[in-house]
N, C-alpha and C. Protein backbone atom coordinates (compact mmCIF):
# COMPACT_ATOMS: atom_id res chain seq x y z
N MET A 1 -2.00 54.90 -20.57
CA MET A 1 -2.93 54.23 -19.99
C MET A 1 -3.08 52.67 -20.23
N THR A 2 -3.09 52.65 -21.59
CA THR A 2 -3.22 51.18 -22.00
C THR A 2 -1.89 50.33 -21.56
N LEU A 3 -0.85 50.80 -21.75
CA LEU A 3 0.30 50.23 -21.15
C LEU A 3 0.43 49.64 -19.96
N SER A 4 0.03 50.73 -19.08
CA SER A 4 -0.08 50.29 -17.58
C SER A 4 -1.15 49.31 -17.28
N ARG A 5 -2.12 49.39 -18.19
CA ARG A 5 -3.22 48.07 -18.09
C ARG A 5 -2.68 46.80 -18.32
N PHE A 6 -1.98 46.57 -19.40
CA PHE A 6 -1.17 45.40 -19.69
C PHE A 6 -0.14 45.01 -18.68
N ALA A 7 0.59 46.06 -18.21
CA ALA A 7 1.55 45.86 -17.10
C ALA A 7 0.78 45.31 -15.90
N GLY A 8 -0.40 45.66 -15.51
CA GLY A 8 -1.18 45.03 -14.48
C GLY A 8 -1.72 43.62 -14.77
N TYR A 9 -1.87 43.19 -16.00
CA TYR A 9 -2.11 41.82 -16.54
C TYR A 9 -0.74 41.16 -16.25
N GLY A 10 0.21 41.53 -16.54
CA GLY A 10 1.49 40.86 -16.48
C GLY A 10 1.68 40.58 -14.99
N VAL A 11 1.59 41.46 -14.09
CA VAL A 11 1.63 40.96 -12.77
C VAL A 11 0.89 40.05 -12.38
N ALA A 12 -0.44 40.14 -12.67
CA ALA A 12 -1.60 39.22 -12.30
C ALA A 12 -1.02 37.79 -12.74
N ALA A 13 -0.47 37.68 -14.04
CA ALA A 13 -0.18 36.30 -14.61
C ALA A 13 0.98 35.77 -13.95
N ALA A 14 1.96 36.70 -13.52
CA ALA A 14 3.33 36.27 -12.73
C ALA A 14 2.74 35.44 -11.42
N ILE A 15 1.79 36.37 -10.77
CA ILE A 15 1.35 35.81 -9.46
C ILE A 15 0.54 34.51 -9.51
N VAL A 16 -0.39 34.18 -10.59
CA VAL A 16 -0.98 32.94 -10.84
C VAL A 16 -0.06 31.89 -11.30
N ALA A 17 1.08 32.30 -11.89
CA ALA A 17 2.07 31.30 -12.44
C ALA A 17 2.91 30.75 -11.20
N MET A 18 3.18 31.71 -10.35
CA MET A 18 3.83 31.19 -8.96
C MET A 18 2.98 30.27 -8.22
N ILE A 19 1.47 30.70 -7.96
CA ILE A 19 0.84 29.74 -7.14
C ILE A 19 0.54 28.42 -7.81
N VAL A 20 0.61 28.42 -9.52
CA VAL A 20 0.34 27.13 -9.92
C VAL A 20 1.83 26.32 -9.64
N ALA A 21 2.98 26.97 -9.98
CA ALA A 21 4.15 26.43 -9.57
C ALA A 21 4.22 25.65 -8.14
N ALA A 22 3.76 26.50 -7.34
CA ALA A 22 3.91 26.02 -5.74
C ALA A 22 2.82 24.89 -5.53
N CYS A 23 1.83 24.77 -6.40
CA CYS A 23 0.54 23.69 -5.86
C CYS A 23 0.82 22.58 -6.80
N GLY A 24 1.25 22.56 -8.10
CA GLY A 24 1.21 21.59 -9.05
C GLY A 24 2.59 20.91 -9.15
N GLY A 25 2.43 19.79 -9.95
CA GLY A 25 3.45 18.88 -10.01
C GLY A 25 3.74 17.80 -9.18
N SER A 26 4.62 17.00 -9.54
CA SER A 26 5.00 15.92 -8.84
C SER A 26 6.42 15.85 -8.30
N SER A 27 6.86 15.15 -7.33
CA SER A 27 8.17 15.21 -7.03
C SER A 27 8.62 13.58 -6.76
N SER A 28 9.82 13.33 -6.90
CA SER A 28 10.29 11.98 -6.73
C SER A 28 10.71 12.36 -5.08
N SER A 29 10.98 13.24 -4.50
CA SER A 29 11.38 13.38 -3.11
C SER A 29 10.53 12.75 -2.12
N ASN A 30 10.88 12.44 -0.86
CA ASN A 30 9.98 11.89 0.19
C ASN A 30 9.33 13.06 0.91
N ASN A 31 9.75 14.33 0.61
CA ASN A 31 9.12 15.36 1.29
C ASN A 31 7.94 15.89 0.62
N SER A 32 7.02 16.45 1.42
CA SER A 32 5.75 16.88 0.69
C SER A 32 5.46 18.13 1.15
N THR A 33 5.00 18.89 0.60
CA THR A 33 4.65 20.41 0.91
C THR A 33 3.22 20.47 1.40
N GLY A 34 2.89 21.11 2.59
CA GLY A 34 1.64 21.33 3.03
C GLY A 34 1.17 22.84 3.23
N PRO A 35 0.15 23.03 3.86
CA PRO A 35 -0.33 24.46 4.02
C PRO A 35 0.60 25.17 4.90
N THR A 36 1.56 24.59 5.83
CA THR A 36 2.31 25.45 6.50
C THR A 36 3.95 25.13 6.63
N GLY A 37 4.18 24.48 5.22
CA GLY A 37 5.56 24.15 5.10
C GLY A 37 5.91 22.88 4.74
N THR A 38 7.07 22.66 4.82
CA THR A 38 7.79 21.15 4.39
C THR A 38 7.41 20.29 5.43
N CYS A 39 7.02 19.16 5.04
CA CYS A 39 6.92 18.00 6.06
C CYS A 39 7.72 16.98 5.55
N THR A 40 8.65 16.49 6.44
CA THR A 40 9.63 15.42 6.19
C THR A 40 9.26 14.20 6.90
N PRO A 41 9.25 13.21 5.91
CA PRO A 41 8.58 11.94 6.50
C PRO A 41 9.64 11.25 7.34
N SER A 42 9.30 10.23 8.25
CA SER A 42 10.25 9.48 8.96
C SER A 42 11.12 8.75 8.05
N THR A 43 12.21 8.33 8.58
CA THR A 43 12.96 7.14 7.79
C THR A 43 12.58 5.78 8.25
N ASN A 44 11.67 5.69 9.40
CA ASN A 44 11.33 4.49 9.86
C ASN A 44 10.21 3.91 9.13
N PRO A 45 9.97 2.89 8.67
CA PRO A 45 9.00 2.40 8.12
C PRO A 45 7.69 2.24 8.73
N ASN A 46 6.59 2.38 8.05
CA ASN A 46 5.33 2.12 8.83
C ASN A 46 5.03 3.38 9.68
N THR A 47 5.74 4.50 9.52
CA THR A 47 5.64 5.52 10.43
C THR A 47 5.08 7.00 9.72
N VAL A 48 4.20 7.49 10.35
CA VAL A 48 3.79 8.94 9.83
C VAL A 48 4.04 9.82 11.12
N VAL A 49 4.50 11.00 10.56
CA VAL A 49 4.77 12.00 11.51
C VAL A 49 3.82 13.19 11.28
N ILE A 50 3.56 13.81 12.48
CA ILE A 50 2.49 14.97 12.28
C ILE A 50 3.55 16.08 12.65
N GLN A 51 3.82 17.05 11.88
CA GLN A 51 4.53 18.28 11.94
C GLN A 51 3.82 19.22 11.17
N GLY A 52 3.83 20.72 11.61
CA GLY A 52 3.58 21.74 10.90
C GLY A 52 2.01 21.86 10.74
N GLY A 53 1.23 21.10 11.28
CA GLY A 53 -0.19 20.93 11.12
C GLY A 53 -0.68 19.81 10.03
N GLN A 54 0.24 18.93 9.79
CA GLN A 54 -0.09 18.08 8.74
C GLN A 54 0.43 16.65 8.84
N VAL A 55 -0.13 15.65 8.39
CA VAL A 55 0.65 14.16 8.51
C VAL A 55 1.38 14.07 7.27
N CYS A 56 2.49 13.28 7.57
CA CYS A 56 3.31 13.07 6.57
C CYS A 56 4.14 11.78 6.50
N PRO A 57 4.02 11.17 5.46
CA PRO A 57 3.24 11.12 4.38
C PRO A 57 1.62 10.88 4.57
N GLN A 58 0.96 11.39 3.65
CA GLN A 58 -0.55 11.21 3.74
C GLN A 58 -1.07 9.97 3.39
N THR A 59 -0.10 9.00 2.80
CA THR A 59 -0.44 7.75 2.17
C THR A 59 0.63 6.86 2.42
N ILE A 60 0.43 5.83 2.94
CA ILE A 60 1.54 4.82 3.48
C ILE A 60 1.10 3.36 3.31
N THR A 61 1.79 2.61 2.83
CA THR A 61 1.50 1.17 2.77
C THR A 61 2.16 0.34 3.84
N ILE A 62 1.46 -0.47 4.41
CA ILE A 62 2.01 -1.47 5.57
C ILE A 62 1.62 -2.97 5.30
N ALA A 63 2.65 -3.82 5.42
CA ALA A 63 2.35 -5.21 5.19
C ALA A 63 1.40 -5.78 6.17
N LEU A 64 0.68 -6.54 5.72
CA LEU A 64 -0.39 -7.48 6.46
C LEU A 64 0.12 -7.93 7.64
N GLY A 65 -0.50 -7.58 8.79
CA GLY A 65 -0.16 -7.76 10.17
C GLY A 65 0.84 -6.89 10.95
N GLY A 66 1.09 -5.94 10.04
CA GLY A 66 1.95 -4.57 10.61
C GLY A 66 1.07 -3.66 11.39
N GLN A 67 1.84 -2.71 11.93
CA GLN A 67 1.24 -1.58 12.75
C GLN A 67 1.60 -0.39 12.23
N LEU A 68 0.83 0.72 12.21
CA LEU A 68 1.11 2.11 12.01
C LEU A 68 1.51 2.72 13.14
N THR A 69 2.50 3.35 12.95
CA THR A 69 3.11 4.45 14.31
C THR A 69 3.05 5.81 13.81
N ILE A 70 2.65 6.56 14.88
CA ILE A 70 2.53 7.95 14.34
C ILE A 70 3.30 8.78 15.44
N ILE A 71 4.08 9.64 15.14
CA ILE A 71 4.75 10.48 15.88
C ILE A 71 4.28 11.76 15.85
N ASN A 72 4.08 12.43 16.92
CA ASN A 72 3.38 13.69 17.05
C ASN A 72 4.70 14.91 17.30
N ASN A 73 5.13 15.27 16.21
CA ASN A 73 6.28 16.48 16.26
C ASN A 73 5.65 17.77 16.10
N ASP A 74 4.27 17.90 16.32
CA ASP A 74 3.67 19.16 16.02
C ASP A 74 3.57 19.98 17.65
N ALA A 75 3.30 21.07 17.75
CA ALA A 75 3.14 21.83 18.81
C ALA A 75 1.96 21.76 19.66
N THR A 76 0.89 20.90 18.90
CA THR A 76 -0.39 20.73 19.59
C THR A 76 -0.77 19.22 19.81
N THR A 77 -1.77 19.01 20.60
CA THR A 77 -2.27 17.69 20.74
C THR A 77 -3.14 17.21 19.63
N HIS A 78 -3.01 15.87 19.45
CA HIS A 78 -3.97 15.36 18.32
C HIS A 78 -4.41 14.02 18.91
N GLU A 79 -5.61 13.87 18.28
CA GLU A 79 -6.22 12.51 18.63
C GLU A 79 -6.58 11.84 17.39
N MET A 80 -5.58 10.70 16.91
CA MET A 80 -5.65 10.06 15.69
C MET A 80 -6.57 8.70 15.72
N ASP A 81 -7.64 8.78 14.89
CA ASP A 81 -8.33 7.79 14.83
C ASP A 81 -8.74 7.22 13.55
N SER A 82 -9.43 6.06 13.32
CA SER A 82 -9.95 5.30 12.08
C SER A 82 -11.02 6.32 11.43
N ASP A 83 -11.09 6.20 10.29
CA ASP A 83 -12.41 6.84 9.51
C ASP A 83 -13.55 5.94 9.98
N PRO A 84 -14.78 6.30 9.71
CA PRO A 84 -15.38 7.57 9.46
C PRO A 84 -15.39 8.44 10.79
N HIS A 85 -15.59 9.68 10.71
CA HIS A 85 -15.79 10.44 11.98
C HIS A 85 -17.30 10.35 12.26
N PRO A 86 -17.85 10.39 13.25
CA PRO A 86 -17.22 10.15 14.57
C PRO A 86 -17.35 8.58 15.06
N GLU A 87 -17.57 7.60 14.14
CA GLU A 87 -17.62 6.32 14.42
C GLU A 87 -16.58 5.47 14.83
N HIS A 88 -15.46 5.92 13.74
CA HIS A 88 -14.05 5.41 13.91
C HIS A 88 -14.07 3.73 13.88
N SER A 89 -14.86 3.31 12.92
CA SER A 89 -15.27 1.90 12.90
C SER A 89 -14.69 1.09 11.72
N ASP A 90 -13.85 2.24 10.66
CA ASP A 90 -13.40 1.55 9.59
C ASP A 90 -12.14 0.51 9.91
N CYS A 91 -11.28 0.94 10.37
CA CYS A 91 -10.18 0.06 10.93
C CYS A 91 -9.82 0.14 12.46
N PRO A 92 -10.60 -0.60 13.24
CA PRO A 92 -10.46 -0.36 14.71
C PRO A 92 -9.15 -0.47 15.26
N ALA A 93 -8.23 -1.13 14.55
CA ALA A 93 -6.68 -1.05 15.19
C ALA A 93 -6.27 0.05 15.21
N LEU A 94 -6.39 0.92 14.30
CA LEU A 94 -5.85 2.20 14.23
C LEU A 94 -6.36 3.38 15.54
N ASN A 95 -7.52 2.79 15.96
CA ASN A 95 -8.05 3.61 17.28
C ASN A 95 -7.07 3.55 18.60
N GLN A 96 -6.01 2.48 18.48
CA GLN A 96 -5.24 2.31 19.68
C GLN A 96 -4.22 3.50 19.61
N ILE A 97 -3.97 4.37 18.53
CA ILE A 97 -3.01 5.31 18.52
C ILE A 97 -3.73 6.61 19.26
N ASP A 98 -4.94 7.00 19.06
CA ASP A 98 -5.86 7.89 19.81
C ASP A 98 -5.08 9.11 20.22
N PHE A 99 -4.84 9.52 21.52
CA PHE A 99 -4.52 10.77 21.99
C PHE A 99 -2.85 10.95 21.98
N LEU A 100 -2.30 11.79 21.34
CA LEU A 100 -1.08 12.20 21.31
C LEU A 100 -0.46 13.63 21.66
N ASN A 101 0.11 13.75 22.76
CA ASN A 101 0.58 15.03 23.29
C ASN A 101 1.83 15.33 22.26
N PRO A 102 2.20 16.52 22.22
CA PRO A 102 3.42 16.73 21.59
C PRO A 102 4.49 16.02 22.01
N GLY A 103 5.46 15.51 21.01
CA GLY A 103 6.47 14.69 21.58
C GLY A 103 6.15 13.12 21.61
N GLN A 104 5.07 12.80 21.61
CA GLN A 104 4.50 11.40 21.98
C GLN A 104 4.48 10.52 20.46
N THR A 105 4.61 9.25 20.72
CA THR A 105 4.63 8.28 19.63
C THR A 105 3.68 7.16 20.13
N ARG A 106 2.99 6.83 19.21
CA ARG A 106 1.95 5.54 19.35
C ARG A 106 1.78 4.69 18.28
N SER A 107 1.49 3.35 18.52
CA SER A 107 1.43 2.50 17.45
C SER A 107 -0.04 1.90 17.44
N SER A 108 -0.60 1.76 16.29
CA SER A 108 -1.84 0.93 16.10
C SER A 108 -1.67 -0.56 16.48
N GLY A 109 -2.90 -1.26 16.64
CA GLY A 109 -3.15 -2.74 16.78
C GLY A 109 -2.42 -3.46 15.42
N ASN A 110 -2.42 -4.49 15.35
CA ASN A 110 -2.01 -5.15 14.12
C ASN A 110 -2.97 -5.14 13.05
N LEU A 111 -2.81 -4.66 11.89
CA LEU A 111 -3.42 -4.38 10.76
C LEU A 111 -3.65 -5.74 10.06
N THR A 112 -4.79 -6.62 10.20
CA THR A 112 -4.80 -7.78 9.79
C THR A 112 -5.78 -8.13 8.68
N THR A 113 -6.29 -7.26 7.84
CA THR A 113 -7.26 -7.37 7.00
C THR A 113 -6.53 -6.45 5.63
N ALA A 114 -6.34 -7.11 4.55
CA ALA A 114 -5.97 -6.39 3.31
C ALA A 114 -7.00 -5.43 2.93
N ARG A 115 -6.56 -4.04 2.80
CA ARG A 115 -7.64 -3.06 2.51
C ARG A 115 -6.94 -1.71 2.66
N ASN A 116 -7.88 -0.56 2.26
CA ASN A 116 -7.43 0.71 2.59
C ASN A 116 -7.98 1.23 3.87
N CYS A 117 -7.42 1.99 4.68
CA CYS A 117 -8.06 2.50 5.87
C CYS A 117 -7.71 3.95 6.01
N GLY A 118 -8.78 4.92 6.02
CA GLY A 118 -8.49 6.17 6.24
C GLY A 118 -8.46 6.51 7.94
N PHE A 119 -7.59 7.42 8.09
CA PHE A 119 -7.46 8.01 9.58
C PHE A 119 -7.41 9.36 9.48
N HIS A 120 -7.79 9.97 10.61
CA HIS A 120 -8.05 11.61 10.80
C HIS A 120 -7.87 11.92 12.32
N ASP A 121 -7.48 13.20 12.47
CA ASP A 121 -7.46 13.91 13.75
C ASP A 121 -9.11 13.90 14.13
N HIS A 122 -9.37 13.33 15.27
CA HIS A 122 -10.75 13.43 15.81
C HIS A 122 -11.07 14.81 16.39
N LEU A 123 -9.88 15.58 16.74
CA LEU A 123 -10.34 17.00 17.18
C LEU A 123 -10.25 17.89 16.27
N SER A 124 -10.00 17.53 14.91
CA SER A 124 -10.19 18.37 13.70
C SER A 124 -10.48 17.52 12.54
N PRO A 125 -11.54 16.97 12.46
CA PRO A 125 -12.01 15.74 11.55
C PRO A 125 -12.02 16.35 10.22
N ASN A 126 -12.37 17.60 9.86
CA ASN A 126 -12.36 18.21 8.63
C ASN A 126 -11.19 18.76 7.96
N ASN A 127 -10.05 18.86 8.72
CA ASN A 127 -8.84 19.29 8.30
C ASN A 127 -8.07 18.34 7.53
N GLY A 128 -8.25 18.39 6.14
CA GLY A 128 -7.68 17.52 5.20
C GLY A 128 -6.06 17.20 5.48
N SER A 129 -5.38 18.35 5.93
CA SER A 129 -3.93 18.16 6.19
C SER A 129 -3.73 17.16 7.31
N LEU A 130 -4.67 16.93 8.17
CA LEU A 130 -4.49 15.84 9.33
C LEU A 130 -5.33 14.62 9.03
N ARG A 131 -5.33 14.09 7.85
CA ARG A 131 -5.95 13.08 7.22
C ARG A 131 -5.07 12.16 6.48
N GLY A 132 -5.10 10.93 6.50
CA GLY A 132 -4.36 9.96 5.68
C GLY A 132 -4.85 8.52 5.37
N THR A 133 -4.25 7.88 4.62
CA THR A 133 -4.77 6.56 4.20
C THR A 133 -3.64 5.73 4.49
N VAL A 134 -4.13 4.19 4.95
CA VAL A 134 -3.16 3.36 4.91
C VAL A 134 -3.61 2.29 4.20
N THR A 135 -2.70 1.83 3.36
CA THR A 135 -2.98 0.64 2.24
C THR A 135 -2.14 -0.59 3.06
N ILE A 136 -2.92 -1.66 3.48
CA ILE A 136 -2.58 -2.83 4.09
C ILE A 136 -2.50 -3.90 3.13
N ARG A 137 -1.39 -4.58 2.71
CA ARG A 137 -1.36 -5.70 1.83
C ARG A 137 -0.62 -6.79 2.51
């Protein structure tokens, strides 16, 4: 009985180790793993891809005066707007992206103020996988 109790602890420890390995650490790869699988960033600069229910990458740096482009490679519609929800007043130029059907691509207006701007899916504002940050420099 004592041996089987320790065997149960070993299985539990192995499960915890797998979860920690899957969630922790960093990678030099451009791929990021989200709740529904691997997200492959675009090779185009200033571009965020929505796929598998997540934005990829979730942080991006854009030169002053540049535009953010979002490609919706997801199976559902998304409405990408500036933080905070529901005012969308942080970086109004991001609000030009707005409504994206599957397969659509849209760009923001020119981002002319050096700062960090958050963006989110207005249709799912509390979903952290559909939130991101643009650093404008």
